[in-house]
């Protein structure tokens, strides 16, 4: 009798399980990068050179670019590592 009741409980328990469909929602993120047009320049203002020397001792300027807002994009080498720094005309380092 115990086996009959146990079998019935297992059978009914198995039948009462319900499969559920999970709705998968995918969210698409679209990002737009606004790139300012930078033009290469040969020289940068002295204030920028001074600010870079203070911020990065032993810095070497590789290339410099300027945009219409007078923001400078400067490619530098510090202790063998290349990086890009953005500054304004007064030498203030910008975070971009």
Protein backbone atom coordinates (compact mmCIF):
# COMPACT_ATOMS: atom_id res chain seq x y z
CA UNK A 1 0.00 0.00 0.00
CA UNK A 2 2.85 2.36 0.83
CA UNK A 3 4.36 1.73 -2.57
CA UNK A 4 1.05 2.49 -4.27
CA UNK A 5 0.66 5.80 -2.44
CA UNK A 6 4.32 6.72 -3.07
CA UNK A 7 3.98 5.85 -6.76
CA UNK A 8 0.80 7.92 -7.05
CA UNK A 9 2.47 10.90 -5.35
CA UNK A 10 5.48 10.74 -7.67
CA UNK A 11 3.25 10.36 -10.72
CA UNK A 12 1.01 13.26 -9.76
CA UNK A 13 4.01 15.39 -8.80
CA UNK A 14 5.59 14.74 -12.18
CA UNK A 15 2.40 15.63 -14.01
CA UNK A 16 1.87 18.82 -12.09
CA UNK A 17 5.18 20.31 -13.24
CA UNK A 18 4.62 22.94 -15.86
CA UNK A 19 7.06 24.06 -18.47
CA UNK A 20 7.38 27.75 -18.75
CA UNK A 21 8.57 29.72 -21.73
CA UNK A 22 11.01 32.42 -20.88
CA UNK A 23 10.69 35.49 -22.99
CA UNK A 24 14.12 36.68 -24.02
CA UNK A 25 14.32 40.37 -24.52
CA UNK A 26 17.35 41.88 -26.09
CA UNK A 27 18.08 45.50 -25.69
CA UNK A 28 20.09 47.22 -28.32
CA UNK A 29 22.23 50.14 -27.32
CA UNK A 30 23.20 52.48 -30.06
CA UNK A 31 25.99 54.88 -29.35
CA UNK A 32 27.04 57.75 -31.50
CA UNK A 33 30.59 58.98 -31.29
CA UNK A 34 30.99 62.59 -32.15
CA UNK A 35 34.48 63.17 -33.35
CA UNK A 36 35.84 66.65 -33.56
CA UNK A 37 37.91 67.31 -36.60
CA UNK A 38 41.52 67.68 -35.54
CA UNK A 39 44.16 69.08 -37.84
CA UNK A 40 47.83 68.38 -37.35
CA UNK A 41 49.98 71.30 -36.22
CA UNK A 42 53.73 71.69 -36.04
CA UNK A 43 53.98 73.59 -32.75
CA UNK A 44 51.94 73.89 -29.57
CA UNK A 45 51.72 76.88 -27.21
CA UNK A 46 54.35 77.16 -24.48
CA UNK A 47 51.66 76.79 -21.79
CA UNK A 48 50.86 73.30 -23.07
CA UNK A 49 54.52 72.26 -23.09
CA UNK A 50 54.94 73.53 -19.52
CA UNK A 51 51.78 71.74 -18.32
CA UNK A 52 52.86 68.47 -19.94
CA UNK A 53 56.36 68.71 -18.45
CA UNK A 54 54.85 69.23 -14.98
CA UNK A 55 52.25 66.45 -15.35
CA UNK A 56 54.52 63.91 -17.08
CA UNK A 57 58.23 64.31 -16.28
CA UNK A 58 60.39 63.22 -19.22
CA UNK A 59 57.58 63.62 -21.76
CA UNK A 60 58.32 63.65 -25.49
CA UNK A 61 55.78 65.19 -27.89
CA UNK A 62 55.26 63.01 -30.96
CA UNK A 63 52.37 64.70 -32.79
CA UNK A 64 49.92 67.48 -32.03
CA UNK A 65 46.49 68.21 -33.45
CA UNK A 66 44.07 71.10 -32.89
CA UNK A 67 40.33 71.48 -33.56
CA UNK A 68 38.07 74.50 -34.07
CA UNK A 69 37.49 74.88 -30.31
CA UNK A 70 41.27 75.27 -29.77
CA UNK A 71 41.45 71.92 -28.00
CA UNK A 72 44.66 70.03 -28.58
CA UNK A 73 45.07 66.30 -29.05
CA UNK A 74 48.67 65.48 -28.28
CA UNK A 75 50.36 62.13 -28.81
CA UNK A 76 53.17 61.73 -26.29
CA UNK A 77 55.75 59.18 -25.20
CA UNK A 78 56.60 58.86 -21.52
CA UNK A 79 59.28 56.33 -20.52
CA UNK A 80 58.66 54.31 -23.68
CA UNK A 81 54.85 54.26 -23.34
CA UNK A 82 52.77 56.04 -25.96
CA UNK A 83 49.54 57.76 -25.01
CA UNK A 84 47.21 60.55 -26.06
CA UNK A 85 46.47 63.63 -23.98
CA UNK A 86 43.80 66.28 -24.63
CA UNK A 87 44.41 69.85 -23.49
CA UNK A 88 43.01 73.30 -24.07
CA UNK A 89 45.05 76.27 -25.25
CA UNK A 90 46.00 77.24 -21.67
CA UNK A 91 47.50 73.81 -20.93
CA UNK A 92 44.64 72.48 -18.81
CA UNK A 93 44.43 68.70 -19.33
CA UNK A 94 40.95 67.62 -20.45
CA UNK A 95 39.33 64.27 -19.76
CA UNK A 96 37.91 62.66 -22.88
